[in-house]
Each structure stands twice: as structure tokens, then as C-alpha cells.
């Protein structure tokens, strides 16, 4: 019986976290969560933090488009 209660509680916690993640994504709070994870990565996983900055730089970079007259 204890296993059933434990698994039921675990299912409730996991589904609540999944609901919160979906809610945060719908309401545009995903960047705040990404910033919090970046701060955690900076403190504990430096290679992940460096990768985060490289990905942000690549996302912010604009691709050069040629002129229509440039044949």
C-alpha cells in the first residue's frame, strides 16, 4: 500500500510540474526560466554556461541577405 501512495504522490508532483511548464511557456515566462537555469549553470556547470552564451549569440546574430540587384 505504501508503494501505491508513493507512486500516486510522485505522479501528482510530476503532473503539476508539467502543467506549470506548459503554463509558463504559454504566458511567455520561458525566458525567465532560461535565465534562472543559466545562472545555475554558471555556478555549477561552466561548460554548459559557455554553451548557453554561444547559443544566445548565434540566435541574436542576423544572417546577411544579399541585395536583389546583386546578381
C-alpha atoms as a PDB file:
ATOM      1  CA  UNK A   1       0.000   0.000   0.000  1.00  0.00           C
ATOM      2  CA  UNK A   2       2.891   2.350   0.730  1.00  0.00           C
ATOM      3  CA  UNK A   3       4.218   1.888  -2.812  1.00  0.00           C
ATOM      4  CA  UNK A   4       0.868   2.862  -4.295  1.00  0.00           C
ATOM      5  CA  UNK A   5       0.742   6.024  -2.185  1.00  0.00           C
ATOM      6  CA  UNK A   6       4.330   6.891  -3.091  1.00  0.00           C
ATOM      7  CA  UNK A   7       3.755   6.378  -6.816  1.00  0.00           C
ATOM      8  CA  UNK A   8       0.487   8.324  -6.652  1.00  0.00           C
ATOM      9  CA  UNK A   9       2.229  11.239  -4.932  1.00  0.00           C
ATOM     10  CA  UNK A  10       5.063  11.116  -7.444  1.00  0.00           C
ATOM     11  CA  UNK A  11       2.559  11.176 -10.314  1.00  0.00           C
ATOM     12  CA  UNK A  12       0.833  14.216  -8.794  1.00  0.00           C
ATOM     13  CA  UNK A  13       4.125  16.098  -8.415  1.00  0.00           C
ATOM     14  CA  UNK A  14       5.305  15.279 -11.942  1.00  0.00           C
ATOM     15  CA  UNK A  15       1.979  16.258 -13.495  1.00  0.00           C
ATOM     16  CA  UNK A  16       1.958  19.529 -11.503  1.00  0.00           C
ATOM     17  CA  UNK A  17       5.437  20.363 -12.769  1.00  0.00           C
ATOM     18  CA  UNK A  18       4.422  19.532 -16.346  1.00  0.00           C
ATOM     19  CA  UNK A  19       1.348  21.748 -16.011  1.00  0.00           C
ATOM     20  CA  UNK A  20       3.497  24.601 -14.637  1.00  0.00           C
ATOM     21  CA  UNK A  21       5.972  24.243 -17.513  1.00  0.00           C
ATOM     22  CA  UNK A  22       3.166  24.423 -20.070  1.00  0.00           C
ATOM     23  CA  UNK A  23       1.618  27.408 -18.274  1.00  0.00           C
ATOM     24  CA  UNK A  24       4.949  29.257 -18.169  1.00  0.00           C
ATOM     25  CA  UNK A  25       5.540  28.628 -21.860  1.00  0.00           C
ATOM     26  CA  UNK A  26       2.030  29.835 -22.794  1.00  0.00           C
ATOM     27  CA  UNK A  27       2.379  33.026 -20.770  1.00  0.00           C
ATOM     28  CA  UNK A  28       5.869  33.901 -22.033  1.00  0.00           C
ATOM     29  CA  UNK A  29       7.778  33.182 -18.848  1.00  0.00           C
ATOM     30  CA  UNK A  30      10.122  30.767 -20.586  1.00  0.00           C
ATOM     31  CA  UNK A  31      12.914  33.317 -20.853  1.00  0.00           C
ATOM     32  CA  UNK A  32      12.890  33.868 -17.093  1.00  0.00           C
ATOM     33  CA  UNK A  33      13.224  30.148 -16.518  1.00  0.00           C
ATOM     34  CA  UNK A  34      16.039  30.007 -19.068  1.00  0.00           C
ATOM     35  CA  UNK A  35      17.803  32.844 -17.269  1.00  0.00           C
ATOM     36  CA  UNK A  36      17.491  31.063 -13.936  1.00  0.00           C
ATOM     37  CA  UNK A  37      18.891  27.886 -15.441  1.00  0.00           C
ATOM     38  CA  UNK A  38      21.736  29.882 -16.994  1.00  0.00           C
ATOM     39  CA  UNK A  39      22.621  31.294 -13.566  1.00  0.00           C
ATOM     40  CA  UNK A  40      22.636  27.765 -12.136  1.00  0.00           C
ATOM     41  CA  UNK A  41      24.819  26.551 -14.991  1.00  0.00           C
ATOM     42  CA  UNK A  42      27.235  29.439 -14.476  1.00  0.00           C
ATOM     43  CA  UNK A  43      27.732  28.469 -10.855  1.00  0.00           C
ATOM     44  CA  UNK A  44      27.882  24.690 -11.158  1.00  0.00           C
ATOM     45  CA  UNK A  45      28.461  23.693 -14.779  1.00  0.00           C
ATOM     46  CA  UNK A  46      30.754  26.173 -16.516  1.00  0.00           C
ATOM     47  CA  UNK A  47      30.839  24.361 -19.859  1.00  0.00           C
ATOM     48  CA  UNK A  48      27.030  24.440 -20.058  1.00  0.00           C
ATOM     49  CA  UNK A  49      27.095  28.160 -19.251  1.00  0.00           C
ATOM     50  CA  UNK A  50      29.569  28.822 -22.042  1.00  0.00           C
ATOM     51  CA  UNK A  51      27.387  26.843 -24.446  1.00  0.00           C
ATOM     52  CA  UNK A  52      24.370  28.909 -23.356  1.00  0.00           C
ATOM     53  CA  UNK A  53      26.153  32.143 -24.263  1.00  0.00           C
ATOM     54  CA  UNK A  54      27.276  30.734 -27.604  1.00  0.00           C
ATOM     55  CA  UNK A  55      23.710  29.691 -28.436  1.00  0.00           C
ATOM     56  CA  UNK A  56      22.307  33.094 -27.406  1.00  0.00           C
ATOM     57  CA  UNK A  57      24.895  34.851 -29.565  1.00  0.00           C
ATOM     58  CA  UNK A  58      24.082  32.606 -32.526  1.00  0.00           C
ATOM     59  CA  UNK A  59      20.350  33.251 -32.085  1.00  0.00           C
ATOM     60  CA  UNK A  60      20.859  37.017 -31.936  1.00  0.00           C
ATOM     61  CA  UNK A  61      23.093  37.067 -34.996  1.00  0.00           C
ATOM     62  CA  UNK A  62      21.382  38.175 -38.181  1.00  0.00           C
ATOM     63  CA  UNK A  63      22.153  36.402 -41.411  1.00  0.00           C
ATOM     64  CA  UNK A  64      23.375  38.610 -44.186  1.00  0.00           C
ATOM     65  CA  UNK A  65      20.979  38.834 -47.081  1.00  0.00           C
ATOM     66  CA  UNK A  66      22.162  39.857 -50.500  1.00  0.00           C
ATOM     67  CA  UNK A  67      20.751  42.742 -52.411  1.00  0.00           C
ATOM     68  CA  UNK A  68      18.250  41.935 -55.171  1.00  0.00           C
ATOM     69  CA  UNK A  69      20.483  43.910 -57.536  1.00  0.00           C
ATOM     70  CA  UNK A  70      23.454  41.758 -56.614  1.00  0.00           C
ATOM     71  CA  UNK A  71      23.371  39.192 -59.403  1.00  0.00           C
END
